Amino acid sequence: MILSKAKLNKEYTVNSISGKDDMVRFLFSLGCYEGEKVTIISKVATNYIINIKDSRYGIDEQLAKIIQVA
């Protein structure tokens, strides 16, 4: 499933990231890559606060839609 459809405060594992190279590189720089754990802390409109490696980041829905989680 894509991250934008995931439930709040539940830990998921990133399966894959598919999108434009610049978006994939940006997520990789945040520590978001295959096998990493990610949690949605909150959602406000089309913005998501996510937790990756004990750090919180704000991403938009476009980025959340290219992250496949399980």
PDB file of N, CA and C in Angstrom:
ATOM      1  N   MET A   1       0.853  -1.173   0.000  1.00  0.00           N
ATOM      2  CA  MET A   1       0.000   0.000   0.000  1.00  0.00           C
ATOM      3  C   MET A   1       0.894   1.231   0.000  1.00  0.00           C
ATOM      4  N   ILE A   2       0.350   2.349  -0.419  1.00  0.00           N
ATOM      5  CA  ILE A   2       1.131   3.585  -0.419  1.00  0.00           C
ATOM      6  C   ILE A   2       1.023   4.264   0.948  1.00  0.00           C
ATOM      7  N   LEU A   3       2.049   5.021   1.283  1.00  0.00           N
ATOM      8  CA  LEU A   3       2.114   5.641   2.603  1.00  0.00           C
ATOM      9  C   LEU A   3       0.943   6.579   2.866  1.00  0.00           C
ATOM     10  N   SER A   4       0.433   7.229   1.839  1.00  0.00           N
ATOM     11  CA  SER A   4      -0.675   8.170   2.045  1.00  0.00           C
ATOM     12  C   SER A   4      -1.959   7.466   2.496  1.00  0.00           C
ATOM     13  N   LYS A   5      -2.045   6.152   2.315  1.00  0.00           N
ATOM     14  CA  LYS A   5      -3.215   5.378   2.751  1.00  0.00           C
ATOM     15  C   LYS A   5      -2.986   4.700   4.103  1.00  0.00           C
ATOM     16  N   ALA A   6      -1.799   4.849   4.668  1.00  0.00           N
ATOM     17  CA  ALA A   6      -1.454   4.186   5.928  1.00  0.00           C
ATOM     18  C   ALA A   6      -2.144   4.852   7.117  1.00  0.00           C
ATOM     19  N   LYS A   7      -2.238   4.096   8.215  1.00  0.00           N
ATOM     20  CA  LYS A   7      -2.863   4.600   9.433  1.00  0.00           C
ATOM     21  C   LYS A   7      -1.857   5.382  10.266  1.00  0.00           C
ATOM     22  N   LEU A   8      -2.382   6.312  11.056  1.00  0.00           N
ATOM     23  CA  LEU A   8      -1.541   7.112  11.941  1.00  0.00           C
ATOM     24  C   LEU A   8      -0.961   6.256  13.057  1.00  0.00           C
ATOM     25  N   ASN A   9       0.237   6.608  13.485  1.00  0.00           N
ATOM     26  CA  ASN A   9       0.912   6.000  14.637  1.00  0.00           C
ATOM     27  C   ASN A   9       1.105   4.489  14.533  1.00  0.00           C
ATOM     28  N   LYS A  10       1.177   3.954  13.327  1.00  0.00           N
ATOM     29  CA  LYS A  10       1.474   2.543  13.122  1.00  0.00           C
ATOM     30  C   LYS A  10       2.770   2.454  12.325  1.00  0.00           C
ATOM     31  N   GLU A  11       3.679   1.610  12.781  1.00  0.00           N
ATOM     32  CA  GLU A  11       4.974   1.490  12.111  1.00  0.00           C
ATOM     33  C   GLU A  11       4.861   0.603  10.878  1.00  0.00           C
ATOM     34  N   TYR A  12       5.412   1.074   9.777  1.00  0.00           N
ATOM     35  CA  TYR A  12       5.425   0.338   8.515  1.00  0.00           C
ATOM     36  C   TYR A  12       6.859   0.201   8.034  1.00  0.00           C
ATOM     37  N   THR A  13       7.087  -0.762   7.174  1.00  0.00           N
ATOM     38  CA  THR A  13       8.393  -0.952   6.548  1.00  0.00           C
ATOM     39  C   THR A  13       8.299  -0.512   5.099  1.00  0.00           C
ATOM     40  N   VAL A  14       9.262   0.283   4.654  1.00  0.00           N
ATOM     41  CA  VAL A  14       9.289   0.760   3.273  1.00  0.00           C
ATOM     42  C   VAL A  14       9.657  -0.410   2.362  1.00  0.00           C
ATOM     43  N   ASN A  15       8.775  -0.713   1.400  1.00  0.00           N
ATOM     44  CA  ASN A  15       9.039  -1.770   0.414  1.00  0.00           C
ATOM     45  C   ASN A  15       9.777  -1.231  -0.791  1.00  0.00           C
ATOM     46  N   SER A  16       9.336  -0.086  -1.289  1.00  0.00           N
ATOM     47  CA  SER A  16       9.979   0.517  -2.452  1.00  0.00           C
ATOM     48  C   SER A  16       9.572   1.976  -2.560  1.00  0.00           C
ATOM     49  N   ILE A  17      10.352   2.698  -3.348  1.00  0.00           N
ATOM     50  CA  ILE A  17      10.052   4.095  -3.647  1.00  0.00           C
ATOM     51  C   ILE A  17      10.136   4.245  -5.151  1.00  0.00           C
ATOM     52  N   SER A  18       9.034   4.660  -5.759  1.00  0.00           N
ATOM     53  CA  SER A  18       9.019   4.792  -7.219  1.00  0.00           C
ATOM     54  C   SER A  18       8.531   6.181  -7.584  1.00  0.00           C
ATOM     55  N   GLY A  19       9.378   6.910  -8.267  1.00  0.00           N
ATOM     56  CA  GLY A  19       9.038   8.263  -8.662  1.00  0.00           C
ATOM     57  C   GLY A  19      10.193   8.876  -9.426  1.00  0.00           C
ATOM     58  N   LYS A  20      10.135  10.180  -9.598  1.00  0.00           N
ATOM     59  CA  LYS A  20      11.213  10.886 -10.284  1.00  0.00           C
ATOM     60  C   LYS A  20      12.501  10.778  -9.469  1.00  0.00           C
ATOM     61  N   ASP A  21      13.620  10.769 -10.168  1.00  0.00           N
ATOM     62  CA  ASP A  21      14.916  10.602  -9.518  1.00  0.00           C
ATOM     63  C   ASP A  21      15.177  11.622  -8.428  1.00  0.00           C
ATOM     64  N   ASP A  22      14.800  12.874  -8.655  1.00  0.00           N
ATOM     65  CA  ASP A  22      15.061  13.895  -7.642  1.00  0.00           C
ATOM     66  C   ASP A  22      14.244  13.669  -6.376  1.00  0.00           C
ATOM     67  N   MET A  23      13.025  13.170  -6.523  1.00  0.00           N
ATOM     68  CA  MET A  23      12.182  12.884  -5.367  1.00  0.00           C
ATOM     69  C   MET A  23      12.731  11.680  -4.598  1.00  0.00           C
ATOM     70  N   VAL A  24      13.179  10.660  -5.323  1.00  0.00           N
ATOM     71  CA  VAL A  24      13.745   9.468  -4.693  1.00  0.00           C
ATOM     72  C   VAL A  24      15.029   9.844  -3.942  1.00  0.00           C
ATOM     73  N   ARG A  25      15.881  10.667  -4.551  1.00  0.00           N
ATOM     74  CA  ARG A  25      17.119  11.110  -3.890  1.00  0.00           C
ATOM     75  C   ARG A  25      16.819  11.928  -2.638  1.00  0.00           C
ATOM     76  N   PHE A  26      15.789  12.774  -2.701  1.00  0.00           N
ATOM     77  CA  PHE A  26      15.409  13.562  -1.535  1.00  0.00           C
ATOM     78  C   PHE A  26      14.983  12.656  -0.382  1.00  0.00           C
ATOM     79  N   LEU A  27      14.130  11.684  -0.664  1.00  0.00           N
ATOM     80  CA  LEU A  27      13.679  10.764   0.386  1.00  0.00           C
ATOM     81  C   LEU A  27      14.852   9.951   0.932  1.00  0.00           C
ATOM     82  N   PHE A  28      15.767   9.550   0.054  1.00  0.00           N
ATOM     83  CA  PHE A  28      16.946   8.810   0.496  1.00  0.00           C
ATOM     84  C   PHE A  28      17.784   9.667   1.440  1.00  0.00           C
ATOM     85  N   SER A  29      17.883  10.967   1.173  1.00  0.00           N
ATOM     86  CA  SER A  29      18.653  11.863   2.037  1.00  0.00           C
ATOM     87  C   SER A  29      18.015  11.995   3.428  1.00  0.00           C
ATOM     88  N   LEU A  30      16.701  11.743   3.516  1.00  0.00           N
ATOM     89  CA  LEU A  30      16.010  11.757   4.807  1.00  0.00           C
ATOM     90  C   LEU A  30      16.169  10.432   5.556  1.00  0.00           C
ATOM     91  N   GLY A  31      16.692   9.424   4.862  1.00  0.00           N
ATOM     92  CA  GLY A  31      16.827   8.098   5.466  1.00  0.00           C
ATOM     93  C   GLY A  31      15.678   7.182   5.111  1.00  0.00           C
ATOM     94  N   CYS A  32      14.886   7.575   4.149  1.00  0.00           N
ATOM     95  CA  CYS A  32      13.726   6.787   3.724  1.00  0.00           C
ATOM     96  C   CYS A  32      14.127   5.947   2.513  1.00  0.00           C
ATOM     97  N   TYR A  33      14.363   4.667   2.747  1.00  0.00           N
ATOM     98  CA  TYR A  33      14.731   3.742   1.674  1.00  0.00           C
ATOM     99  C   TYR A  33      14.251   2.345   2.041  1.00  0.00           C
ATOM    100  N   GLU A  34      14.372   1.411   1.122  1.00  0.00           N
ATOM    101  CA  GLU A  34      13.870   0.052   1.311  1.00  0.00           C
ATOM    102  C   GLU A  34      14.345  -0.556   2.616  1.00  0.00           C
ATOM    103  N   GLY A  35      13.395  -1.150   3.339  1.00  0.00           N
ATOM    104  CA  GLY A  35      13.713  -1.827   4.589  1.00  0.00           C
ATOM    105  C   GLY A  35      13.661  -0.940   5.820  1.00  0.00           C
ATOM    106  N   GLU A  36      13.573   0.352   5.640  1.00  0.00           N
ATOM    107  CA  GLU A  36      13.546   1.285   6.771  1.00  0.00           C
ATOM    108  C   GLU A  36      12.135   1.371   7.346  1.00  0.00           C
ATOM    109  N   LYS A  37      12.046   1.617   8.647  1.00  0.00           N
ATOM    110  CA  LYS A  37      10.762   1.780   9.327  1.00  0.00           C
ATOM    111  C   LYS A  37      10.302   3.224   9.227  1.00  0.00           C
ATOM    112  N   VAL A  38       8.998   3.406   8.981  1.00  0.00           N
ATOM    113  CA  VAL A  38       8.424   4.750   8.881  1.00  0.00           C
ATOM    114  C   VAL A  38       7.063   4.754   9.586  1.00  0.00           C
ATOM    115  N   THR A  39       6.768   5.856  10.263  1.00  0.00           N
ATOM    116  CA  THR A  39       5.499   6.018  10.981  1.00  0.00           C
ATOM    117  C   THR A  39       4.926   7.392  10.649  1.00  0.00           C
ATOM    118  N   ILE A  40       3.624   7.443  10.368  1.00  0.00           N
ATOM    119  CA  ILE A  40       2.950   8.735  10.183  1.00  0.00           C
ATOM    120  C   ILE A  40       2.533   9.223  11.560  1.00  0.00           C
ATOM    121  N   ILE A  41       3.073  10.364  11.959  1.00  0.00           N
ATOM    122  CA  ILE A  41       2.757  10.950  13.258  1.00  0.00           C
ATOM    123  C   ILE A  41       1.454  11.733  13.190  1.00  0.00           C
ATOM    124  N   SER A  42       1.301  12.532  12.129  1.00  0.00           N
ATOM    125  CA  SER A  42       0.063  13.286  11.960  1.00  0.00           C
ATOM    126  C   SER A  42      -0.145  13.637  10.497  1.00  0.00           C
ATOM    127  N   LYS A  43      -1.389  13.972  10.185  1.00  0.00           N
ATOM    128  CA  LYS A  43      -1.747  14.382   8.830  1.00  0.00           C
ATOM    129  C   LYS A  43      -2.625  15.622   8.943  1.00  0.00           C
ATOM    130  N   VAL A  44      -2.228  16.672   8.233  1.00  0.00           N
ATOM    131  CA  VAL A  44      -3.006  17.899   8.187  1.00  0.00           C
ATOM    132  C   VAL A  44      -3.193  18.245   6.720  1.00  0.00           C
ATOM    133  N   ALA A  45      -4.430  18.191   6.275  1.00  0.00           N
ATOM    134  CA  ALA A  45      -4.771  18.406   4.864  1.00  0.00           C
ATOM    135  C   ALA A  45      -3.956  17.451   4.000  1.00  0.00           C
ATOM    136  N   THR A  46      -3.055  17.953   3.171  1.00  0.00           N
ATOM    137  CA  THR A  46      -2.253  17.076   2.311  1.00  0.00           C
ATOM    138  C   THR A  46      -0.799  17.017   2.760  1.00  0.00           C
ATOM    139  N   ASN A  47      -0.546  17.363   4.016  1.00  0.00           N
ATOM    140  CA  ASN A  47       0.811  17.307   4.562  1.00  0.00           C
ATOM    141  C   ASN A  47       0.901  16.237   5.643  1.00  0.00           C
ATOM    142  N   TYR A  48       2.027  15.552   5.657  1.00  0.00           N
ATOM    143  CA  TYR A  48       2.243  14.452   6.589  1.00  0.00           C
ATOM    144  C   TYR A  48       3.480  14.735   7.423  1.00  0.00           C
ATOM    145  N   ILE A  49       3.400  14.444   8.703  1.00  0.00           N
ATOM    146  CA  ILE A  49       4.572  14.454   9.571  1.00  0.00           C
ATOM    147  C   ILE A  49       4.911  12.984   9.784  1.00  0.00           C
ATOM    148  N   ILE A  50       6.124  12.607   9.343  1.00  0.00           N
ATOM    149  CA  ILE A  50       6.525  11.208   9.444  1.00  0.00           C
ATOM    150  C   ILE A  50       7.747  11.077  10.339  1.00  0.00           C
ATOM    151  N   ASN A  51       7.899   9.898  10.918  1.00  0.00           N
ATOM    152  CA  ASN A  51       9.038   9.595  11.766  1.00  0.00           C
ATOM    153  C   ASN A  51       9.885   8.538  11.072  1.00  0.00           C
ATOM    154  N   ILE A  52      11.157   8.878  10.824  1.00  0.00           N
ATOM    155  CA  ILE A  52      12.122   7.952  10.243  1.00  0.00           C
ATOM    156  C   ILE A  52      13.393   8.050  11.066  1.00  0.00           C
ATOM    157  N   LYS A  53      13.872   6.929  11.578  1.00  0.00           N
ATOM    158  CA  LYS A  53      15.135   6.902  12.347  1.00  0.00           C
ATOM    159  C   LYS A  53      15.158   7.938  13.461  1.00  0.00           C
ATOM    160  N   ASP A  54      14.127   7.989  14.268  1.00  0.00           N
ATOM    161  CA  ASP A  54      14.028   8.911  15.404  1.00  0.00           C
ATOM    162  C   ASP A  54      14.080  10.388  15.012  1.00  0.00           C
ATOM    163  N   SER A  55      13.752  10.703  13.768  1.00  0.00           N
ATOM    164  CA  SER A  55      13.667  12.089  13.306  1.00  0.00           C
ATOM    165  C   SER A  55      12.300  12.307  12.675  1.00  0.00           C
ATOM    166  N   ARG A  56      11.802  13.512  12.798  1.00  0.00           N
ATOM    167  CA  ARG A  56      10.496  13.850  12.208  1.00  0.00           C
ATOM    168  C   ARG A  56      10.690  14.758  11.014  1.00  0.00           C
ATOM    169  N   TYR A  57       9.918  14.485   9.959  1.00  0.00           N
ATOM    170  CA  TYR A  57       9.997  15.257   8.727  1.00  0.00           C
ATOM    171  C   TYR A  57       8.591  15.568   8.242  1.00  0.00           C
ATOM    172  N   GLY A  58       8.452  16.666   7.562  1.00  0.00           N
ATOM    173  CA  GLY A  58       7.196  17.025   6.920  1.00  0.00           C
ATOM    174  C   GLY A  58       7.310  16.759   5.428  1.00  0.00           C
ATOM    175  N   ILE A  59       6.363  15.986   4.896  1.00  0.00           N
ATOM    176  CA  ILE A  59       6.333  15.728   3.456  1.00  0.00           C
ATOM    177  C   ILE A  59       4.932  15.996   2.941  1.00  0.00           C
ATOM    178  N   ASP A  60       4.830  16.240   1.646  1.00  0.00           N
ATOM    179  CA  ASP A  60       3.510  16.467   1.063  1.00  0.00           C
ATOM    180  C   ASP A  60       2.936  15.154   0.531  1.00  0.00           C
ATOM    181  N   GLU A  61       1.701  15.227   0.092  1.00  0.00           N
ATOM    182  CA  GLU A  61       1.014  14.023  -0.367  1.00  0.00           C
ATOM    183  C   GLU A  61       1.674  13.407  -1.596  1.00  0.00           C
ATOM    184  N   GLN A  62       2.252  14.234  -2.440  1.00  0.00           N
ATOM    185  CA  GLN A  62       2.929  13.735  -3.635  1.00  0.00           C
ATOM    186  C   GLN A  62       4.075  12.785  -3.247  1.00  0.00           C
ATOM    187  N   LEU A  63       4.846  13.149  -2.255  1.00  0.00           N
ATOM    188  CA  LEU A  63       5.925  12.279  -1.780  1.00  0.00           C
ATOM    189  C   LEU A  63       5.359  11.044  -1.084  1.00  0.00           C
ATOM    190  N   ALA A  64       4.307  11.215  -0.302  1.00  0.00           N
ATOM    191  CA  ALA A  64       3.716  10.081   0.416  1.00  0.00           C
ATOM    192  C   ALA A  64       3.152   9.037  -0.550  1.00  0.00           C
ATOM    193  N   LYS A  65       2.741   9.462  -1.731  1.00  0.00           N
ATOM    194  CA  LYS A  65       2.167   8.527  -2.696  1.00  0.00           C
ATOM    195  C   LYS A  65       3.203   7.676  -3.427  1.00  0.00           C
ATOM    196  N   ILE A  66       4.472   8.063  -3.408  1.00  0.00           N
ATOM    197  CA  ILE A  66       5.476   7.257  -4.100  1.00  0.00           C
ATOM    198  C   ILE A  66       6.187   6.261  -3.183  1.00  0.00           C
ATOM    199  N   ILE A  67       5.844   6.307  -1.895  1.00  0.00           N
ATOM    200  CA  ILE A  67       6.454   5.383  -0.929  1.00  0.00           C
ATOM    201  C   ILE A  67       5.521   4.189  -0.733  1.00  0.00           C
ATOM    202  N   GLN A  68       5.986   3.001  -1.094  1.00  0.00           N
ATOM    203  CA  GLN A  68       5.227   1.767  -0.904  1.00  0.00           C
ATOM    204  C   GLN A  68       5.635   1.158   0.431  1.00  0.00           C
ATOM    205  N   VAL A  69       4.655   0.836   1.278  1.00  0.00           N
ATOM    206  CA  VAL A  69       4.929   0.272   2.607  1.00  0.00           C
ATOM    207  C   VAL A  69       4.152  -1.024   2.816  1.00  0.00           C
ATOM    208  N   ALA A  70       4.593  -1.763   3.807  1.00  0.00           N
ATOM    209  CA  ALA A  70       3.887  -2.994   4.207  1.00  0.00           C
ATOM    210  C   ALA A  70       3.774  -3.033   5.707  1.00  0.00           C
TER     211      ALA A  70
END
